[in-house]
Amino acid sequence: MANYLALPESFPLEEQIKTLKDDELLDFWEETQHLEHLLHDDTQRTEPNTDYERLILQELQVRFQRRSGAVR
């Protein structure tokens, strides 16, 4: 399971995401979706502080592009 380091000043989430393996990154995405769903069920007005999904999808796109470029 992926771990989120609670030191945003020294190691931003964007950098932490880059260090995760593919399966850890997908686990992290799944966990954030689950937590967002729980928060949304508790209070209809809760908005996430960080756009986890956007950051994760962006990292997945970068990885896919690297792999596609390496194959050619």
C-alpha atoms as a PDB file:
ATOM      1  CA  MET A   1       0.000   0.000   0.000  1.00  0.00           C
ATOM      2  CA  ALA A   2       1.274   3.478  -0.840  1.00  0.00           C
ATOM      3  CA  ASN A   3       2.250   5.871   1.911  1.00  0.00           C
ATOM      4  CA  TYR A   4       1.746   9.622   1.870  1.00  0.00           C
ATOM      5  CA  LEU A   5       4.533  11.509   3.627  1.00  0.00           C
ATOM      6  CA  ALA A   6       3.219  14.302   5.826  1.00  0.00           C
ATOM      7  CA  LEU A   7       6.007  16.711   4.876  1.00  0.00           C
ATOM      8  CA  PRO A   8       4.513  18.793   2.037  1.00  0.00           C
ATOM      9  CA  GLU A   9       7.081  21.592   2.370  1.00  0.00           C
ATOM     10  CA  SER A  10      10.048  19.310   1.859  1.00  0.00           C
ATOM     11  CA  PHE A  11       8.586  16.693  -0.489  1.00  0.00           C
ATOM     12  CA  PRO A  12       5.482  17.760  -2.457  1.00  0.00           C
ATOM     13  CA  LEU A  13       2.787  15.278  -3.414  1.00  0.00           C
ATOM     14  CA  GLU A  14       3.703  15.604  -7.106  1.00  0.00           C
ATOM     15  CA  GLU A  15       7.200  14.333  -6.318  1.00  0.00           C
ATOM     16  CA  GLN A  16       5.935  11.561  -4.047  1.00  0.00           C
ATOM     17  CA  ILE A  17       3.660  10.298  -6.830  1.00  0.00           C
ATOM     18  CA  LYS A  18       6.630  10.040  -9.185  1.00  0.00           C
ATOM     19  CA  THR A  19       8.395   7.666  -6.784  1.00  0.00           C
ATOM     20  CA  LEU A  20       5.534   5.156  -6.660  1.00  0.00           C
ATOM     21  CA  LYS A  21       5.530   1.971  -8.691  1.00  0.00           C
ATOM     22  CA  ASP A  22       2.622   1.531 -11.104  1.00  0.00           C
ATOM     23  CA  ASP A  23       0.664  -0.774  -8.794  1.00  0.00           C
ATOM     24  CA  GLU A  24       1.255   1.556  -5.827  1.00  0.00           C
ATOM     25  CA  LEU A  25       0.102   4.520  -7.883  1.00  0.00           C
ATOM     26  CA  LEU A  26      -3.106   2.722  -8.833  1.00  0.00           C
ATOM     27  CA  ASP A  27      -3.636   1.705  -5.187  1.00  0.00           C
ATOM     28  CA  PHE A  28      -3.193   5.328  -4.150  1.00  0.00           C
ATOM     29  CA  TRP A  29      -5.736   6.430  -6.759  1.00  0.00           C
ATOM     30  CA  GLU A  30      -8.198   3.810  -5.518  1.00  0.00           C
ATOM     31  CA  GLU A  31      -7.726   4.909  -1.907  1.00  0.00           C
ATOM     32  CA  THR A  32      -8.262   8.583  -2.746  1.00  0.00           C
ATOM     33  CA  GLN A  33     -11.424   7.735  -4.690  1.00  0.00           C
ATOM     34  CA  HIS A  34     -12.751   5.746  -1.739  1.00  0.00           C
ATOM     35  CA  LEU A  35     -11.959   8.534   0.737  1.00  0.00           C
ATOM     36  CA  GLU A  36     -13.492  11.171  -1.519  1.00  0.00           C
ATOM     37  CA  HIS A  37     -16.644   9.068  -1.787  1.00  0.00           C
ATOM     38  CA  LEU A  38     -16.829   8.719   2.015  1.00  0.00           C
ATOM     39  CA  LEU A  39     -16.333  12.450   2.515  1.00  0.00           C
ATOM     40  CA  HIS A  40     -18.945  13.224  -0.105  1.00  0.00           C
ATOM     41  CA  ASP A  41     -21.428  10.915   1.649  1.00  0.00           C
ATOM     42  CA  ASP A  42     -20.793  12.598   5.020  1.00  0.00           C
ATOM     43  CA  THR A  43     -21.081  16.189   3.834  1.00  0.00           C
ATOM     44  CA  GLN A  44     -22.346  17.164   0.434  1.00  0.00           C
ATOM     45  CA  ARG A  45     -20.222  20.335   0.378  1.00  0.00           C
ATOM     46  CA  THR A  46     -16.815  18.819   1.004  1.00  0.00           C
ATOM     47  CA  GLU A  47     -14.281  19.600  -1.708  1.00  0.00           C
ATOM     48  CA  PRO A  48     -10.839  17.986  -1.820  1.00  0.00           C
ATOM     49  CA  ASN A  49      -7.883  20.222  -0.966  1.00  0.00           C
ATOM     50  CA  THR A  50      -5.673  18.604  -3.583  1.00  0.00           C
ATOM     51  CA  ASP A  51      -6.690  17.323  -6.957  1.00  0.00           C
ATOM     52  CA  TYR A  52      -5.272  13.842  -6.420  1.00  0.00           C
ATOM     53  CA  GLU A  53      -6.971  12.353  -9.441  1.00  0.00           C
ATOM     54  CA  ARG A  54      -5.534  14.971 -11.804  1.00  0.00           C
ATOM     55  CA  LEU A  55      -2.008  14.474 -10.432  1.00  0.00           C
ATOM     56  CA  ILE A  56      -2.240  10.683 -10.653  1.00  0.00           C
ATOM     57  CA  LEU A  57      -3.649  10.712 -14.190  1.00  0.00           C
ATOM     58  CA  GLN A  58      -0.970  13.168 -15.264  1.00  0.00           C
ATOM     59  CA  GLU A  59       1.751  10.865 -13.917  1.00  0.00           C
ATOM     60  CA  LEU A  60       0.179   7.854 -15.642  1.00  0.00           C
ATOM     61  CA  GLN A  61       0.137   9.775 -18.938  1.00  0.00           C
ATOM     62  CA  VAL A  62       3.807  10.691 -18.572  1.00  0.00           C
ATOM     63  CA  ARG A  63       4.707   7.052 -17.882  1.00  0.00           C
ATOM     64  CA  PHE A  64       2.672   5.822 -20.848  1.00  0.00           C
ATOM     65  CA  GLN A  65       4.332   8.357 -23.163  1.00  0.00           C
ATOM     66  CA  ARG A  66       7.791   7.296 -21.967  1.00  0.00           C
ATOM     67  CA  ARG A  67       6.984   3.649 -22.614  1.00  0.00           C
ATOM     68  CA  SER A  68       5.485   4.394 -26.022  1.00  0.00           C
ATOM     69  CA  GLY A  69       8.567   6.394 -26.981  1.00  0.00           C
ATOM     70  CA  ALA A  70      10.894   3.617 -25.823  1.00  0.00           C
ATOM     71  CA  VAL A  71       9.101   1.021 -27.947  1.00  0.00           C
ATOM     72  CA  ARG A  72       9.565   2.884 -31.220  1.00  0.00           C
END
